[in-house]
N, C-alpha and C. Protein backbone atom coordinates (compact mmCIF):
# COMPACT_ATOMS: atom_id res chain seq x y z
N UNK A 1 0.83 -1.20 0.00
CA UNK A 1 0.00 0.00 0.00
C UNK A 1 0.88 1.27 0.00
N UNK A 2 1.94 1.26 0.84
CA UNK A 2 2.83 2.41 0.89
C UNK A 2 3.50 2.63 -0.46
N UNK A 3 3.86 1.54 -1.13
CA UNK A 3 4.51 1.64 -2.43
C UNK A 3 3.57 2.28 -3.45
N UNK A 4 2.30 1.92 -3.39
CA UNK A 4 1.32 2.50 -4.32
C UNK A 4 1.16 3.98 -4.05
N UNK A 5 1.10 4.37 -2.79
CA UNK A 5 0.99 5.79 -2.45
C UNK A 5 2.22 6.56 -2.92
N UNK A 6 3.40 5.98 -2.73
CA UNK A 6 4.62 6.63 -3.18
C UNK A 6 4.62 6.81 -4.69
N UNK A 7 4.20 5.79 -5.42
CA UNK A 7 4.14 5.89 -6.89
C UNK A 7 3.14 6.97 -7.30
N UNK A 8 2.00 7.02 -6.64
CA UNK A 8 1.00 8.05 -6.95
C UNK A 8 1.54 9.44 -6.67
N UNK A 9 2.25 9.61 -5.56
CA UNK A 9 2.82 10.92 -5.23
C UNK A 9 3.88 11.32 -6.25
N UNK A 10 4.76 10.39 -6.60
CA UNK A 10 5.80 10.69 -7.59
C UNK A 10 5.19 11.02 -8.95
N UNK A 11 4.14 10.30 -9.31
CA UNK A 11 3.46 10.57 -10.59
C UNK A 11 2.85 11.96 -10.56
N UNK A 12 2.23 12.33 -9.47
CA UNK A 12 1.61 13.65 -9.36
C UNK A 12 2.66 14.75 -9.46
N UNK A 13 3.81 14.54 -8.83
CA UNK A 13 4.88 15.53 -8.90
C UNK A 13 5.40 15.64 -10.32
N UNK A 14 5.62 14.50 -10.98
CA UNK A 14 6.19 14.54 -12.33
C UNK A 14 5.23 15.11 -13.36
N UNK A 15 3.95 15.13 -13.08
CA UNK A 15 3.01 15.72 -14.02
C UNK A 15 3.29 17.20 -14.23
N UNK A 16 3.84 17.86 -13.22
CA UNK A 16 4.08 19.29 -13.31
C UNK A 16 5.55 19.65 -13.53
N UNK A 17 6.44 18.66 -13.43
CA UNK A 17 7.86 18.95 -13.62
C UNK A 17 8.14 19.18 -15.11
N UNK A 18 9.00 20.13 -15.38
CA UNK A 18 9.36 20.44 -16.75
C UNK A 18 10.83 20.79 -16.78
N UNK A 19 11.43 20.68 -17.94
CA UNK A 19 12.84 21.03 -18.12
C UNK A 19 13.00 21.85 -19.37
N UNK A 20 14.02 22.70 -19.36
CA UNK A 20 14.37 23.43 -20.56
C UNK A 20 15.88 23.67 -20.56
N UNK A 21 16.43 23.78 -21.76
CA UNK A 21 17.87 23.95 -21.93
C UNK A 21 18.13 25.28 -22.60
N UNK A 22 19.14 26.00 -22.10
CA UNK A 22 19.47 27.34 -22.59
C UNK A 22 20.98 27.54 -22.57
N UNK A 23 21.45 28.49 -23.37
CA UNK A 23 22.81 28.97 -23.22
C UNK A 23 22.80 30.01 -22.12
N UNK A 24 23.90 30.12 -21.41
CA UNK A 24 24.00 31.07 -20.30
C UNK A 24 25.02 32.15 -20.65
N UNK A 25 24.59 33.39 -20.64
CA UNK A 25 25.51 34.51 -20.77
C UNK A 25 26.00 34.81 -19.36
N UNK A 26 27.31 34.87 -19.20
CA UNK A 26 27.91 35.13 -17.89
C UNK A 26 28.91 34.07 -17.48
N UNK A 27 28.98 32.97 -18.23
CA UNK A 27 29.96 31.92 -17.94
C UNK A 27 31.25 32.21 -18.69
N UNK A 28 31.95 33.26 -18.29
CA UNK A 28 33.12 33.69 -19.02
C UNK A 28 34.43 33.10 -18.52
N UNK A 29 34.42 32.48 -17.37
CA UNK A 29 35.59 31.80 -16.85
C UNK A 29 35.10 30.65 -15.97
N UNK A 30 35.91 29.62 -15.78
CA UNK A 30 35.45 28.40 -15.10
C UNK A 30 34.82 28.60 -13.72
N UNK A 31 35.33 29.51 -12.91
CA UNK A 31 34.78 29.66 -11.56
C UNK A 31 33.36 30.22 -11.56
N UNK A 32 32.92 30.75 -12.69
CA UNK A 32 31.55 31.26 -12.76
C UNK A 32 30.51 30.12 -12.71
N UNK A 33 30.96 28.88 -12.95
CA UNK A 33 30.05 27.74 -12.81
C UNK A 33 29.55 27.64 -11.37
N UNK A 34 30.47 27.80 -10.42
CA UNK A 34 30.08 27.75 -9.00
C UNK A 34 29.14 28.90 -8.66
N UNK A 35 29.42 30.08 -9.22
CA UNK A 35 28.54 31.24 -8.99
C UNK A 35 27.13 30.94 -9.47
N UNK A 36 27.02 30.36 -10.66
CA UNK A 36 25.70 30.04 -11.22
C UNK A 36 24.99 29.00 -10.35
N UNK A 37 25.71 27.98 -9.94
CA UNK A 37 25.08 26.94 -9.09
C UNK A 37 24.51 27.55 -7.81
N UNK A 38 25.28 28.44 -7.18
CA UNK A 38 24.82 29.07 -5.94
C UNK A 38 23.59 29.95 -6.19
N UNK A 39 23.59 30.67 -7.27
CA UNK A 39 22.46 31.55 -7.58
C UNK A 39 21.20 30.73 -7.84
N UNK A 40 21.34 29.65 -8.59
CA UNK A 40 20.16 28.82 -8.90
C UNK A 40 19.60 28.20 -7.62
N UNK A 41 20.47 27.88 -6.66
CA UNK A 41 19.97 27.34 -5.38
C UNK A 41 19.04 28.32 -4.68
N UNK A 42 19.21 29.61 -4.95
CA UNK A 42 18.37 30.62 -4.30
C UNK A 42 17.03 30.82 -5.01
N UNK A 43 16.87 30.22 -6.17
CA UNK A 43 15.62 30.39 -6.92
C UNK A 43 14.59 29.38 -6.44
N UNK A 44 13.43 29.84 -6.03
CA UNK A 44 12.41 28.90 -5.56
C UNK A 44 11.91 28.02 -6.71
N UNK A 45 11.83 26.73 -6.44
CA UNK A 45 11.24 25.77 -7.37
C UNK A 45 11.98 25.64 -8.70
N UNK A 46 13.27 26.01 -8.74
CA UNK A 46 14.08 25.84 -9.94
C UNK A 46 15.35 25.09 -9.54
N UNK A 47 15.70 24.07 -10.32
CA UNK A 47 16.91 23.31 -10.07
C UNK A 47 17.78 23.31 -11.33
N UNK A 48 19.08 23.30 -11.11
CA UNK A 48 20.03 23.17 -12.19
C UNK A 48 20.32 21.69 -12.36
N UNK A 49 19.86 21.12 -13.47
CA UNK A 49 20.00 19.69 -13.73
C UNK A 49 21.36 19.37 -14.32
N UNK A 50 21.81 20.21 -15.26
CA UNK A 50 23.07 19.97 -15.95
C UNK A 50 23.68 21.31 -16.36
N UNK A 51 25.01 21.37 -16.30
CA UNK A 51 25.73 22.56 -16.71
C UNK A 51 26.96 22.13 -17.50
N UNK A 52 27.09 22.64 -18.72
CA UNK A 52 28.23 22.32 -19.58
C UNK A 52 28.96 23.62 -19.89
N UNK A 53 30.10 23.81 -19.23
CA UNK A 53 30.87 25.04 -19.40
C UNK A 53 31.36 25.19 -20.84
N UNK A 54 31.75 24.09 -21.47
CA UNK A 54 32.31 24.15 -22.82
C UNK A 54 31.32 24.70 -23.85
N UNK A 55 30.05 24.45 -23.65
CA UNK A 55 29.03 24.97 -24.58
C UNK A 55 28.22 26.10 -23.95
N UNK A 56 28.46 26.37 -22.69
CA UNK A 56 27.70 27.32 -21.86
C UNK A 56 26.22 27.00 -21.84
N UNK A 57 25.90 25.72 -21.90
CA UNK A 57 24.50 25.29 -21.87
C UNK A 57 24.13 24.75 -20.50
N UNK A 58 22.92 25.08 -20.09
CA UNK A 58 22.42 24.60 -18.80
C UNK A 58 21.00 24.09 -18.99
N UNK A 59 20.70 23.02 -18.26
CA UNK A 59 19.35 22.47 -18.24
C UNK A 59 18.75 22.75 -16.87
N UNK A 60 17.56 23.35 -16.88
CA UNK A 60 16.86 23.68 -15.65
C UNK A 60 15.62 22.81 -15.53
N UNK A 61 15.29 22.44 -14.31
CA UNK A 61 14.06 21.72 -14.01
C UNK A 61 13.23 22.61 -13.10
N UNK A 62 11.92 22.57 -13.28
CA UNK A 62 11.03 23.43 -12.51
C UNK A 62 9.62 22.89 -12.57
N UNK A 63 8.81 23.36 -11.68
CA UNK A 63 7.38 23.07 -11.68
C UNK A 63 6.70 24.28 -12.31
N UNK A 64 6.24 24.12 -13.53
CA UNK A 64 5.67 25.26 -14.26
C UNK A 64 4.47 25.86 -13.54
N UNK A 65 3.76 25.05 -12.77
CA UNK A 65 2.60 25.58 -12.04
C UNK A 65 3.01 26.55 -10.94
N UNK A 66 4.25 26.39 -10.43
CA UNK A 66 4.77 27.29 -9.41
C UNK A 66 5.60 28.42 -10.03
N UNK A 67 6.21 28.12 -11.17
CA UNK A 67 7.07 29.11 -11.83
C UNK A 67 6.27 30.29 -12.39
N UNK A 68 5.13 29.99 -12.97
CA UNK A 68 4.30 31.01 -13.61
C UNK A 68 3.15 31.38 -12.68
N UNK A 69 3.15 32.63 -12.21
CA UNK A 69 2.06 33.04 -11.33
C UNK A 69 0.76 33.10 -12.13
N UNK A 70 -0.30 32.69 -11.51
CA UNK A 70 -1.59 32.66 -12.19
C UNK A 70 -1.68 31.56 -13.22
N UNK A 71 -0.92 30.49 -13.02
CA UNK A 71 -0.91 29.37 -13.96
C UNK A 71 -2.34 28.87 -14.19
N UNK A 72 -2.70 28.70 -15.44
CA UNK A 72 -4.02 28.20 -15.82
C UNK A 72 -3.83 26.95 -16.67
N UNK A 73 -4.22 25.78 -16.14
CA UNK A 73 -4.02 24.55 -16.90
C UNK A 73 -4.80 24.52 -18.22
N UNK A 74 -5.85 25.32 -18.31
CA UNK A 74 -6.62 25.36 -19.56
C UNK A 74 -5.89 26.17 -20.63
N UNK A 75 -4.99 27.04 -20.19
CA UNK A 75 -4.21 27.84 -21.13
C UNK A 75 -2.76 27.88 -20.62
N UNK A 76 -2.03 26.78 -20.84
CA UNK A 76 -0.66 26.73 -20.33
C UNK A 76 0.22 27.80 -20.97
N UNK A 77 1.25 28.22 -20.26
CA UNK A 77 2.14 29.27 -20.79
C UNK A 77 2.93 28.77 -22.00
N UNK A 78 3.29 29.68 -22.85
CA UNK A 78 4.12 29.35 -24.01
C UNK A 78 5.55 29.09 -23.56
N UNK A 79 6.33 28.47 -24.40
CA UNK A 79 7.74 28.24 -24.11
C UNK A 79 8.46 29.57 -23.91
N UNK A 80 8.07 30.57 -24.69
CA UNK A 80 8.68 31.90 -24.56
C UNK A 80 8.37 32.52 -23.20
N UNK A 81 7.14 32.34 -22.72
CA UNK A 81 6.76 32.89 -21.42
C UNK A 81 7.55 32.22 -20.29
N UNK A 82 7.74 30.91 -20.39
CA UNK A 82 8.50 30.19 -19.38
C UNK A 82 9.96 30.63 -19.41
N UNK A 83 10.53 30.75 -20.62
CA UNK A 83 11.92 31.19 -20.76
C UNK A 83 12.08 32.60 -20.20
N UNK A 84 11.15 33.48 -20.50
CA UNK A 84 11.22 34.85 -19.98
C UNK A 84 11.19 34.85 -18.46
N UNK A 85 10.33 34.05 -17.87
CA UNK A 85 10.23 33.99 -16.41
C UNK A 85 11.53 33.45 -15.80
N UNK A 86 12.09 32.38 -16.39
CA UNK A 86 13.37 31.85 -15.90
C UNK A 86 14.47 32.90 -16.02
N UNK A 87 14.51 33.59 -17.17
CA UNK A 87 15.51 34.62 -17.38
C UNK A 87 15.36 35.75 -16.37
N UNK A 88 14.13 36.18 -16.12
CA UNK A 88 13.88 37.24 -15.14
C UNK A 88 14.37 36.83 -13.75
N UNK A 89 14.07 35.59 -13.34
CA UNK A 89 14.49 35.10 -12.03
C UNK A 89 16.02 35.05 -11.94
N UNK A 90 16.65 34.50 -12.98
CA UNK A 90 18.10 34.37 -12.99
C UNK A 90 18.77 35.74 -13.02
N UNK A 91 18.27 36.62 -13.84
CA UNK A 91 18.84 37.96 -13.97
C UNK A 91 18.72 38.72 -12.64
N UNK A 92 17.58 38.63 -12.00
CA UNK A 92 17.36 39.33 -10.73
C UNK A 92 18.27 38.77 -9.63
N UNK A 93 18.30 37.44 -9.51
CA UNK A 93 19.09 36.81 -8.46
C UNK A 93 20.59 37.05 -8.64
N UNK A 94 21.03 37.20 -9.89
CA UNK A 94 22.46 37.40 -10.15
C UNK A 94 22.82 38.87 -10.34
N UNK A 95 21.87 39.75 -10.11
CA UNK A 95 22.07 41.19 -10.32
C UNK A 95 22.53 41.47 -11.74
N UNK A 96 21.96 40.73 -12.68
CA UNK A 96 22.21 40.96 -14.10
C UNK A 96 23.45 40.30 -14.66
N UNK A 97 24.17 39.51 -13.87
CA UNK A 97 25.40 38.92 -14.39
C UNK A 97 25.19 37.60 -15.11
N UNK A 98 24.02 37.00 -14.98
CA UNK A 98 23.66 35.81 -15.74
C UNK A 98 22.34 36.05 -16.44
N UNK A 99 22.28 35.69 -17.70
CA UNK A 99 21.04 35.76 -18.47
C UNK A 99 20.94 34.54 -19.38
N UNK A 100 19.76 34.29 -19.89
CA UNK A 100 19.54 33.17 -20.80
C UNK A 100 19.60 33.63 -22.24
N UNK A 101 20.03 32.73 -23.08
CA UNK A 101 20.11 32.98 -24.51
C UNK A 101 19.68 31.68 -25.20
N UNK A 102 19.11 31.75 -26.39
CA UNK A 102 18.76 30.50 -27.08
C UNK A 102 19.99 29.64 -27.32
N UNK A 103 19.77 28.36 -27.55
CA UNK A 103 20.87 27.45 -27.84
C UNK A 103 21.60 27.88 -29.11
N UNK A 104 22.82 27.43 -29.26
CA UNK A 104 23.65 27.80 -30.41
C UNK A 104 22.92 27.52 -31.72
N UNK A 105 23.15 28.38 -32.68
CA UNK A 105 22.45 28.27 -33.96
C UNK A 105 23.21 27.43 -34.97
N UNK A 106 24.50 27.17 -34.71
CA UNK A 106 25.28 26.34 -35.62
C UNK A 106 26.06 25.29 -34.82
N UNK A 107 26.41 24.17 -35.46
CA UNK A 107 27.20 23.15 -34.75
C UNK A 107 28.58 23.69 -34.38
N UNK A 108 29.13 23.15 -33.30
CA UNK A 108 30.42 23.61 -32.78
C UNK A 108 31.52 23.52 -33.84
N UNK A 109 31.49 22.47 -34.66
CA UNK A 109 32.55 22.29 -35.66
C UNK A 109 32.47 23.32 -36.80
N UNK A 110 31.40 24.09 -36.87
CA UNK A 110 31.28 25.14 -37.88
C UNK A 110 31.59 26.52 -37.31
N UNK A 111 31.82 26.57 -36.00
CA UNK A 111 32.17 27.85 -35.37
C UNK A 111 33.65 28.14 -35.61
N UNK A 112 33.97 29.41 -35.62
CA UNK A 112 35.35 29.85 -35.78
C UNK A 112 35.80 30.48 -34.46
N UNK A 113 36.95 30.05 -33.96
CA UNK A 113 37.48 30.63 -32.72
C UNK A 113 38.38 31.81 -33.07
N UNK A 114 38.11 32.93 -32.42
CA UNK A 114 38.91 34.13 -32.62
C UNK A 114 39.46 34.55 -31.26
N UNK A 115 40.78 34.73 -31.19
CA UNK A 115 41.43 35.16 -29.95
C UNK A 115 41.91 36.59 -30.12
N UNK A 116 41.62 37.40 -29.11
CA UNK A 116 42.03 38.81 -29.13
C UNK A 116 42.69 39.11 -27.79
N UNK A 117 43.90 39.61 -27.84
CA UNK A 117 44.64 39.98 -26.63
C UNK A 117 44.29 41.42 -26.28
N UNK A 118 43.90 41.62 -25.04
CA UNK A 118 43.53 42.97 -24.59
C UNK A 118 44.39 43.37 -23.39
N UNK A 119 44.30 44.64 -23.05
CA UNK A 119 45.07 45.19 -21.93
C UNK A 119 44.68 44.58 -20.60
N UNK A 120 45.21 45.13 -19.57
CA UNK A 120 45.08 44.65 -18.21
C UNK A 120 43.62 44.36 -17.81
N UNK A 121 43.36 43.12 -17.43
CA UNK A 121 42.06 42.71 -16.91
C UNK A 121 42.30 42.00 -15.58
N UNK A 122 42.71 42.78 -14.58
CA UNK A 122 43.15 42.18 -13.33
C UNK A 122 42.04 41.86 -12.33
N UNK A 123 40.82 42.27 -12.61
CA UNK A 123 39.74 41.92 -11.68
C UNK A 123 38.61 41.23 -12.46
N UNK A 124 37.82 40.48 -11.72
CA UNK A 124 36.72 39.73 -12.32
C UNK A 124 35.72 40.67 -13.00
N UNK A 125 35.48 41.82 -12.43
CA UNK A 125 34.55 42.79 -13.02
C UNK A 125 35.04 43.32 -14.35
N UNK A 126 36.33 43.58 -14.44
CA UNK A 126 36.91 44.04 -15.72
C UNK A 126 36.81 42.96 -16.78
N UNK A 127 37.10 41.72 -16.38
CA UNK A 127 37.00 40.61 -17.33
C UNK A 127 35.56 40.43 -17.78
N UNK A 128 34.63 40.54 -16.84
CA UNK A 128 33.21 40.41 -17.18
C UNK A 128 32.80 41.50 -18.17
N UNK A 129 33.23 42.72 -17.95
CA UNK A 129 32.88 43.82 -18.85
C UNK A 129 33.38 43.60 -20.26
N UNK A 130 34.63 43.17 -20.40
CA UNK A 130 35.19 42.91 -21.73
C UNK A 130 34.48 41.73 -22.38
N UNK A 131 34.23 40.70 -21.59
CA UNK A 131 33.51 39.52 -22.09
C UNK A 131 32.13 39.90 -22.60
N UNK A 132 31.43 40.71 -21.83
CA UNK A 132 30.05 41.06 -22.16
C UNK A 132 29.95 41.80 -23.48
N UNK A 133 30.94 42.62 -23.80
CA UNK A 133 30.96 43.32 -25.09
C UNK A 133 30.85 42.30 -26.21
N UNK A 134 31.62 41.22 -26.11
CA UNK A 134 31.60 40.21 -27.17
C UNK A 134 30.38 39.30 -27.07
N UNK A 135 30.04 38.88 -25.88
CA UNK A 135 28.97 37.90 -25.71
C UNK A 135 27.62 38.38 -26.25
N UNK A 136 27.41 39.67 -26.23
CA UNK A 136 26.13 40.23 -26.67
C UNK A 136 26.06 40.48 -28.17
N UNK A 137 27.19 40.33 -28.88
CA UNK A 137 27.18 40.58 -30.32
C UNK A 137 26.49 39.47 -31.08
N UNK A 138 25.72 39.84 -32.09
CA UNK A 138 25.07 38.86 -32.95
C UNK A 138 26.16 38.05 -33.66
N UNK A 139 26.03 36.75 -33.63
CA UNK A 139 27.00 35.88 -34.27
C UNK A 139 28.01 35.30 -33.32
N UNK A 140 28.09 35.81 -32.10
CA UNK A 140 28.99 35.23 -31.10
C UNK A 140 28.21 34.16 -30.36
N UNK A 141 28.66 32.93 -30.51
CA UNK A 141 27.97 31.80 -29.91
C UNK A 141 28.46 31.53 -28.49
N UNK A 142 29.72 31.84 -28.23
CA UNK A 142 30.30 31.64 -26.91
C UNK A 142 31.52 32.53 -26.79
N UNK A 143 31.83 32.98 -25.58
CA UNK A 143 33.02 33.79 -25.36
C UNK A 143 33.59 33.48 -23.98
N UNK A 144 34.91 33.63 -23.87
CA UNK A 144 35.59 33.48 -22.58
C UNK A 144 36.66 34.54 -22.49
N UNK A 145 37.14 34.76 -21.28
CA UNK A 145 38.26 35.68 -21.06
C UNK A 145 39.04 35.14 -19.88
N UNK A 146 40.37 35.28 -19.95
CA UNK A 146 41.17 34.81 -18.83
C UNK A 146 41.90 35.98 -18.17
N UNK A 147 42.56 35.68 -17.06
CA UNK A 147 43.23 36.73 -16.28
C UNK A 147 44.38 37.38 -17.03
N UNK A 148 44.93 36.69 -18.03
CA UNK A 148 46.03 37.23 -18.81
C UNK A 148 45.53 38.19 -19.90
N UNK A 149 44.22 38.35 -20.02
CA UNK A 149 43.66 39.28 -21.00
C UNK A 149 43.44 38.69 -22.38
N UNK A 150 43.29 37.37 -22.45
CA UNK A 150 43.00 36.74 -23.73
C UNK A 150 41.50 36.51 -23.84
N UNK A 151 40.87 37.21 -24.77
CA UNK A 151 39.45 37.03 -25.05
C UNK A 151 39.34 36.03 -26.19
N UNK A 152 38.47 35.05 -26.02
CA UNK A 152 38.23 34.07 -27.08
C UNK A 152 36.75 34.06 -27.38
N UNK A 153 36.43 34.18 -28.66
CA UNK A 153 35.03 34.14 -29.09
C UNK A 153 34.88 33.06 -30.14
N UNK A 154 33.86 32.23 -29.97
CA UNK A 154 33.50 31.24 -30.97
C UNK A 154 32.33 31.85 -31.72
N UNK A 155 32.53 32.06 -33.01
CA UNK A 155 31.56 32.83 -33.78
C UNK A 155 30.97 32.03 -34.93
N UNK A 156 29.84 32.52 -35.40
CA UNK A 156 29.25 32.06 -36.66
C UNK A 156 29.86 32.98 -37.71
N UNK A 157 30.79 32.48 -38.55
CA UNK A 157 31.47 33.35 -39.50
C UNK A 157 30.55 33.99 -40.53
N UNK A 158 29.34 33.48 -40.66
CA UNK A 158 28.39 34.09 -41.59
C UNK A 158 27.77 35.36 -41.00
N UNK A 159 27.91 35.54 -39.68
CA UNK A 159 27.27 36.67 -39.02
C UNK A 159 28.24 37.73 -38.50
N UNK A 160 29.47 37.35 -38.20
CA UNK A 160 30.42 38.32 -37.65
C UNK A 160 31.84 37.89 -37.96
N UNK A 161 32.79 38.74 -37.62
CA UNK A 161 34.20 38.46 -37.88
C UNK A 161 35.09 39.20 -36.88
N UNK A 162 36.40 39.01 -37.01
CA UNK A 162 37.36 39.64 -36.10
C UNK A 162 37.22 41.16 -36.11
N UNK A 163 37.05 41.75 -37.29
CA UNK A 163 36.97 43.21 -37.40
C UNK A 163 35.79 43.74 -36.57
N UNK A 164 34.65 43.06 -36.64
CA UNK A 164 33.48 43.49 -35.87
C UNK A 164 33.73 43.35 -34.36
N UNK A 165 34.38 42.25 -33.97
CA UNK A 165 34.68 42.05 -32.55
C UNK A 165 35.63 43.13 -32.04
N UNK A 166 36.69 43.38 -32.79
CA UNK A 166 37.65 44.40 -32.38
C UNK A 166 37.01 45.78 -32.36
N UNK A 167 36.14 46.06 -33.32
CA UNK A 167 35.44 47.35 -33.35
C UNK A 167 34.57 47.54 -32.13
N UNK A 168 33.86 46.49 -31.72
CA UNK A 168 33.00 46.58 -30.54
C UNK A 168 33.84 46.79 -29.28
N UNK A 169 34.97 46.10 -29.18
CA UNK A 169 35.84 46.27 -28.03
C UNK A 169 36.42 47.68 -27.97
N UNK A 170 36.85 48.21 -29.12
CA UNK A 170 37.39 49.58 -29.16
C UNK A 170 36.31 50.58 -28.76
N UNK A 171 35.10 50.38 -29.27
CA UNK A 171 33.99 51.28 -28.93
C UNK A 171 33.72 51.29 -27.42
N UNK A 172 33.90 50.13 -26.80
CA UNK A 172 33.71 50.01 -25.34
C UNK A 172 34.96 50.44 -24.56
N UNK A 173 35.96 50.94 -25.27
CA UNK A 173 37.20 51.43 -24.68
C UNK A 173 38.04 50.34 -24.01
N UNK A 174 37.98 49.15 -24.61
CA UNK A 174 38.84 48.06 -24.15
C UNK A 174 40.12 48.16 -24.98
N UNK A 175 41.27 48.22 -24.30
CA UNK A 175 42.56 48.36 -24.98
C UNK A 175 42.93 47.06 -25.67
N UNK A 176 43.16 47.12 -26.98
CA UNK A 176 43.59 45.96 -27.74
C UNK A 176 45.11 45.96 -27.82
N UNK A 177 45.71 44.80 -27.62
CA UNK A 177 47.16 44.68 -27.71
C UNK A 177 47.50 44.04 -29.05
N UNK A 178 48.54 44.56 -29.69
CA UNK A 178 48.97 44.02 -30.98
C UNK A 178 49.77 42.75 -30.69
N UNK A 179 49.47 41.66 -31.43
CA UNK A 179 50.18 40.38 -31.16
C UNK A 179 51.64 40.46 -31.48
């Protein structure tokens, strides 16, 4: 009898559980994985199921009935509405340092890696600022930056190129170093 009740309870819970996968803007260096994990722990009814730093993809699990206020089973929320709600929660909890982005538009083997050496980036905030300039550009599928000032962007070459990346960095007043 207890086993039947447990199965019924688990079935009821799984009826409302949902998952979605997104790219994460803000994973610019490896230690940011821990930052993201801690932030997601603070989100009510949202769990981080999987995190892949190499692709900056994360899978979230949640109860859509709790995630969306005013949930109406007769008119369930759209995928866009759920994504917006997750993004709003993540953005608020991280004070804007993590946001959601759609999954990559091209396979990894078709991306082009571009490395750009920039001036002194001695603090995490400076690295985040330089990273963000690139991460927000159309055609940039993933970006990283290290303490030595090496920015790496994996791009869709049909949408952007080195000249556009360097132009955006110069516009943001990031010092470019000649190789």
